[in-house]
Protein backbone atom coordinates (compact mmCIF):
# COMPACT_ATOMS: atom_id res chain seq x y z
CA MET A 1 0.00 0.00 0.00
CA LYS A 2 1.33 3.40 -0.94
CA ILE A 3 1.47 5.76 2.04
CA SER A 4 0.67 9.47 1.99
CA VAL A 5 1.65 11.41 5.11
CA CYS A 6 -0.22 14.72 5.19
CA MET A 7 1.08 17.60 7.28
CA ALA A 8 -0.09 21.19 7.76
CA THR A 9 2.68 23.63 8.66
CA PHE A 10 2.84 27.18 9.94
CA ASN A 11 5.96 28.68 11.54
CA GLY A 12 7.16 25.28 12.71
CA GLU A 13 10.92 25.83 12.50
CA LYS A 14 11.60 24.75 16.07
CA TYR A 15 10.48 21.13 15.66
CA ILE A 16 9.96 20.38 11.98
CA GLU A 17 13.37 18.75 11.35
CA GLU A 18 12.96 16.24 14.15
CA GLN A 19 9.44 15.34 13.10
CA LEU A 20 10.23 14.96 9.41
CA SER A 21 13.23 12.77 10.22
CA SER A 22 11.09 10.47 12.36
CA ILE A 23 8.60 10.10 9.50
CA LEU A 24 10.90 9.72 6.50
CA SER A 25 12.98 7.01 8.15
CA GLN A 26 9.90 4.74 8.12
CA LEU A 27 8.71 5.30 4.54
CA SER A 28 9.56 3.45 1.35
CA GLU A 29 10.79 5.13 -1.81
CA SER A 30 7.29 5.00 -3.32
CA ASP A 31 5.63 6.81 -0.41
CA GLU A 32 5.06 10.55 -0.10
CA VAL A 33 4.89 13.35 2.45
CA ILE A 34 2.46 16.08 1.41
CA ILE A 35 2.99 19.38 3.22
CA SER A 36 0.65 22.35 2.95
CA ASP A 37 2.22 25.49 4.38
CA ASP A 38 -0.11 28.27 5.52
CA GLY A 39 2.17 31.25 4.91
CA SER A 40 5.07 30.54 7.28
CA THR A 41 7.31 33.57 7.87
CA ASP A 42 10.12 31.73 9.69
CA SER A 43 12.60 29.17 8.33
CA THR A 44 10.11 26.27 8.17
CA LEU A 45 10.24 25.96 4.38
CA ASP A 46 14.03 26.29 4.24
CA LEU A 47 14.40 23.48 6.77
CA ILE A 48 12.00 21.24 4.84
CA ASN A 49 13.74 21.92 1.53
CA ALA A 50 17.12 21.20 3.11
CA PHE A 51 16.15 17.53 3.37
CA GLY A 52 16.38 17.32 -0.41
CA ASP A 53 14.03 14.33 -0.35
CA ARG A 54 11.97 13.80 -3.48
CA ARG A 55 9.26 12.10 -1.41
CA VAL A 56 8.47 15.43 0.25
CA VAL A 57 6.12 17.62 -1.78
CA VAL A 58 5.42 21.10 -0.40
CA PHE A 59 2.54 23.36 -1.39
CA VAL A 60 3.21 26.99 -0.54
CA GLY A 61 1.38 30.29 -0.84
CA GLN A 62 -1.70 29.31 1.13
CA THR A 63 -3.42 31.96 3.26
CA PHE A 64 -6.09 29.83 4.92
CA LYS A 65 -5.20 30.98 8.45
CA SER A 66 -6.92 27.74 9.39
CA LEU A 67 -5.48 24.44 10.58
CA ILE A 68 -8.57 22.63 9.31
CA PHE A 69 -8.44 23.87 5.74
CA ASN A 70 -4.66 23.77 5.56
CA PHE A 71 -4.97 20.04 6.33
CA GLU A 72 -7.75 19.72 3.77
CA ASN A 73 -5.43 21.16 1.14
CA ALA A 74 -2.73 18.61 1.96
CA LEU A 75 -5.24 15.76 1.95
CA SER A 76 -6.63 16.81 -1.42
CA LYS A 77 -3.15 16.27 -2.95
CA ALA A 78 -2.59 12.81 -1.46
CA SER A 79 -2.32 9.86 -3.87
CA GLY A 80 -1.74 7.04 -1.37
CA ASP A 81 -3.83 3.99 -0.57
CA VAL A 82 -3.54 4.87 3.12
CA VAL A 83 -3.16 8.31 4.66
CA PHE A 84 -1.42 9.32 7.88
CA LEU A 85 -1.98 12.69 9.50
CA ALA A 86 1.05 14.36 11.06
CA ASP A 87 1.52 17.49 13.13
CA GLN A 88 4.64 19.58 12.61
CA ASP A 89 5.91 19.33 16.16
CA ASP A 90 5.51 15.71 17.31
CA VAL A 91 7.89 12.76 16.94
CA TRP A 92 6.85 9.35 15.64
CA LYS A 93 8.05 6.18 17.33
CA SER A 94 10.26 4.11 15.05
CA ASN A 95 7.67 1.33 14.65
CA LYS A 96 4.60 3.51 14.09
CA VAL A 97 4.16 2.90 10.38
CA SER A 98 4.76 -0.85 10.52
CA VAL A 99 2.27 -1.32 13.37
CA PHE A 100 -0.39 0.81 11.67
CA LEU A 101 -0.06 -1.00 8.36
CA GLU A 102 -0.85 -4.33 10.00
CA TYR A 103 -4.12 -2.97 11.39
CA LEU A 104 -4.98 -1.12 8.17
CA LYS A 105 -5.16 -4.49 6.42
CA GLU A 106 -8.42 -5.08 8.30
CA TYR A 107 -9.62 -1.68 9.54
CA ASP A 108 -10.46 1.56 7.73
CA VAL A 109 -9.50 4.05 10.47
CA VAL A 110 -6.79 3.34 13.01
CA VAL A 111 -5.80 5.49 15.99
CA SER A 112 -2.90 4.84 18.34
CA ASP A 113 -2.34 5.95 21.88
CA ALA A 114 0.24 8.70 22.45
CA GLU A 115 2.47 9.82 25.26
CA VAL A 116 1.91 13.52 25.98
CA VAL A 117 5.23 15.30 26.44
CA ASP A 118 6.55 18.83 26.84
CA GLU A 119 9.03 20.45 24.47
CA ASP A 120 11.93 18.60 26.13
CA PHE A 121 10.18 15.19 26.03
CA ASN A 122 9.37 15.16 29.72
CA ILE A 123 6.24 13.01 30.03
CA LEU A 124 3.16 14.96 31.08
CA HIS A 125 0.73 12.08 30.61
CA ALA A 126 1.78 8.50 29.86
CA SER A 127 -1.41 7.79 27.89
CA PHE A 128 -3.57 10.18 25.89
CA PHE A 129 -6.26 7.49 25.73
CA ALA A 130 -6.44 7.38 29.53
CA LEU A 131 -6.40 11.17 29.77
CA ASN A 132 -9.17 11.60 27.21
CA GLY A 133 -11.16 8.40 27.81
CA SER A 134 -10.71 7.49 24.13
CA ILE A 135 -12.85 4.71 22.67
CA LYS A 136 -14.53 4.03 19.33
CA GLY A 137 -18.25 4.30 18.63
CA PHE A 138 -20.37 6.76 16.65
CA VAL A 139 -22.53 8.07 19.49
CA ARG A 140 -19.58 8.19 21.90
CA ASN A 141 -17.56 10.24 19.44
CA ILE A 142 -20.38 12.62 18.66
CA LEU A 143 -20.58 13.30 22.38
CA LYS A 144 -16.79 13.47 22.90
CA ASN A 145 -14.15 13.17 20.22
CA SER A 146 -11.57 10.40 20.57
CA TYR A 147 -9.96 10.89 17.16
CA LEU A 148 -6.58 12.52 17.70
CA GLY A 149 -5.45 13.53 14.22
CA CYS A 150 -1.70 13.23 14.71
CA ALA A 151 -2.21 9.61 15.85
CA MET A 152 -4.58 8.62 13.01
CA ALA A 153 -4.32 6.82 9.69
CA PHE A 154 -7.09 5.74 7.34
CA ARG A 155 -7.81 4.06 4.06
CA ARG A 156 -8.48 5.83 0.79
CA LYS A 157 -12.22 5.22 0.94
CA VAL A 158 -12.46 7.23 4.18
CA LEU A 159 -10.48 10.08 2.64
CA ASP A 160 -12.72 10.13 -0.42
CA ARG A 161 -15.83 10.25 1.78
CA SER A 162 -14.33 12.98 3.99
CA LEU A 163 -13.43 15.44 1.22
CA PRO A 164 -14.36 18.15 0.71
CA PHE A 165 -14.63 19.20 4.35
CA PRO A 166 -17.89 20.90 5.32
CA ARG A 167 -17.16 24.57 5.88
CA ASP A 168 -18.55 24.61 9.42
CA ILE A 169 -16.86 21.63 11.12
CA ALA A 170 -15.12 22.24 14.45
CA MET A 171 -12.02 20.13 13.71
CA HIS A 172 -10.78 17.97 10.82
CA ASP A 173 -9.83 14.88 12.86
CA TRP A 174 -13.24 14.74 14.51
CA TRP A 175 -14.91 14.91 11.09
CA ILE A 176 -12.69 12.20 9.56
CA GLY A 177 -13.21 9.96 12.59
CA ILE A 178 -16.99 10.25 12.40
CA VAL A 179 -16.92 9.58 8.64
CA GLY A 180 -14.85 6.48 9.38
CA GLU A 181 -17.35 5.34 12.00
CA VAL A 182 -20.18 5.59 9.43
CA TYR A 183 -18.43 4.17 6.36
CA GLY A 184 -15.93 1.70 7.78
CA LYS A 185 -14.41 -0.07 10.76
CA SER A 186 -12.20 1.64 13.31
CA PHE A 187 -9.59 0.32 15.72
CA PHE A 188 -7.78 1.91 18.67
CA ILE A 189 -4.23 0.67 19.29
CA ASP A 190 -3.30 0.71 22.98
CA GLU A 191 0.41 1.18 22.23
CA CYS A 192 1.84 4.73 22.35
CA LEU A 193 3.25 5.29 18.87
CA ILE A 194 3.96 9.03 18.96
CA SER A 195 5.35 11.58 21.35
CA TYR A 196 2.58 14.18 21.31
CA ARG A 197 4.40 17.40 22.09
CA ARG A 198 2.64 20.22 23.94
CA HIS A 199 4.64 23.41 24.26
CA GLY A 200 2.26 26.34 24.55
CA ASP A 201 2.32 27.33 20.86
CA ASN A 202 0.40 24.37 19.45
CA ALA A 203 -2.21 25.05 16.79
CA SER A 204 -4.63 22.62 18.47
CA ALA A 205 -5.67 22.29 22.09
CA THR A 206 -5.23 19.19 24.26
CA SER A 207 -7.04 20.02 27.48
CA THR A 208 -9.72 17.54 28.51
CA VAL A 209 -11.72 20.52 29.83
CA SER A 210 -13.43 22.22 26.89
CA LYS A 211 -13.09 25.98 26.52
CA PHE A 212 -16.50 26.15 24.80
CA SER A 213 -19.78 27.02 26.47
CA PHE A 214 -22.48 24.40 26.89
CA PHE A 215 -24.54 25.91 24.06
CA LYS A 216 -21.51 26.09 21.76
CA LYS A 217 -20.78 22.40 22.39
CA ILE A 218 -24.40 21.48 21.60
CA PHE A 219 -24.21 23.54 18.41
CA MET A 220 -20.94 21.89 17.31
CA ARG A 221 -22.45 18.43 17.72
CA ALA A 222 -25.62 19.41 15.90
CA VAL A 223 -23.47 20.67 13.03
CA MET A 224 -21.55 17.38 12.97
CA ILE A 225 -24.76 15.32 12.82
CA LYS A 226 -26.17 17.59 10.11
CA ASN A 227 -23.03 17.26 8.01
CA ILE A 228 -22.74 13.48 8.32
CA CYS A 229 -26.42 13.10 7.39
CA MET A 230 -25.92 15.29 4.33
CA ARG A 231 -22.79 13.39 3.30
CA TYR A 232 -24.52 10.06 3.84
CA SER A 233 -27.54 11.11 1.78
CA GLY A 234 -25.32 12.39 -1.04
CA PHE A 235 -26.09 16.11 -0.72
């Protein structure tokens, strides 16, 4: 199976080299890393280009100012049979790809556990699953999302059903996970296969306590149900 790793970048110079190295070392020559950069003004692009790796394809000039639609752009360029999502500041364990590929033979969406670390790799939480109460299930994941994008991979059919993203979704990984619940089979791997780095400048939040009001949370879930019903019905 050809692998596409899709990454959204923005001013990621501090960690991008370490992350890209951890990914590329696990890929074959026929795989690809698709990077969509949302107007970085630091040395992110220079550091990526310095790898000189033909498997890395970078799309520049975007002005989405949105993590969600920057990821959508990367995903729309992917040609692989299976797709991995990657953040710009994490580090993959050396066996991540090989473990995921075994499960992707049977399942359509696979999510691994992750150790939550600070910028110096001091462990903040040994298990993201335990911290978040992550489990599969459509209703459970409408109520509380378990799909951590940087620890996800999925088959082509899930990608095709997920794109284009609805314009009003709260987060891309939540949407893809729900699509996978409806159109395929999901599996949660108990092994921690990434170091999920939290350093204060992350584009996405990790707190288990939501910053949204009760009514905002209800609205977000209503939007998710509306969008999955429209996608399912073909509209």
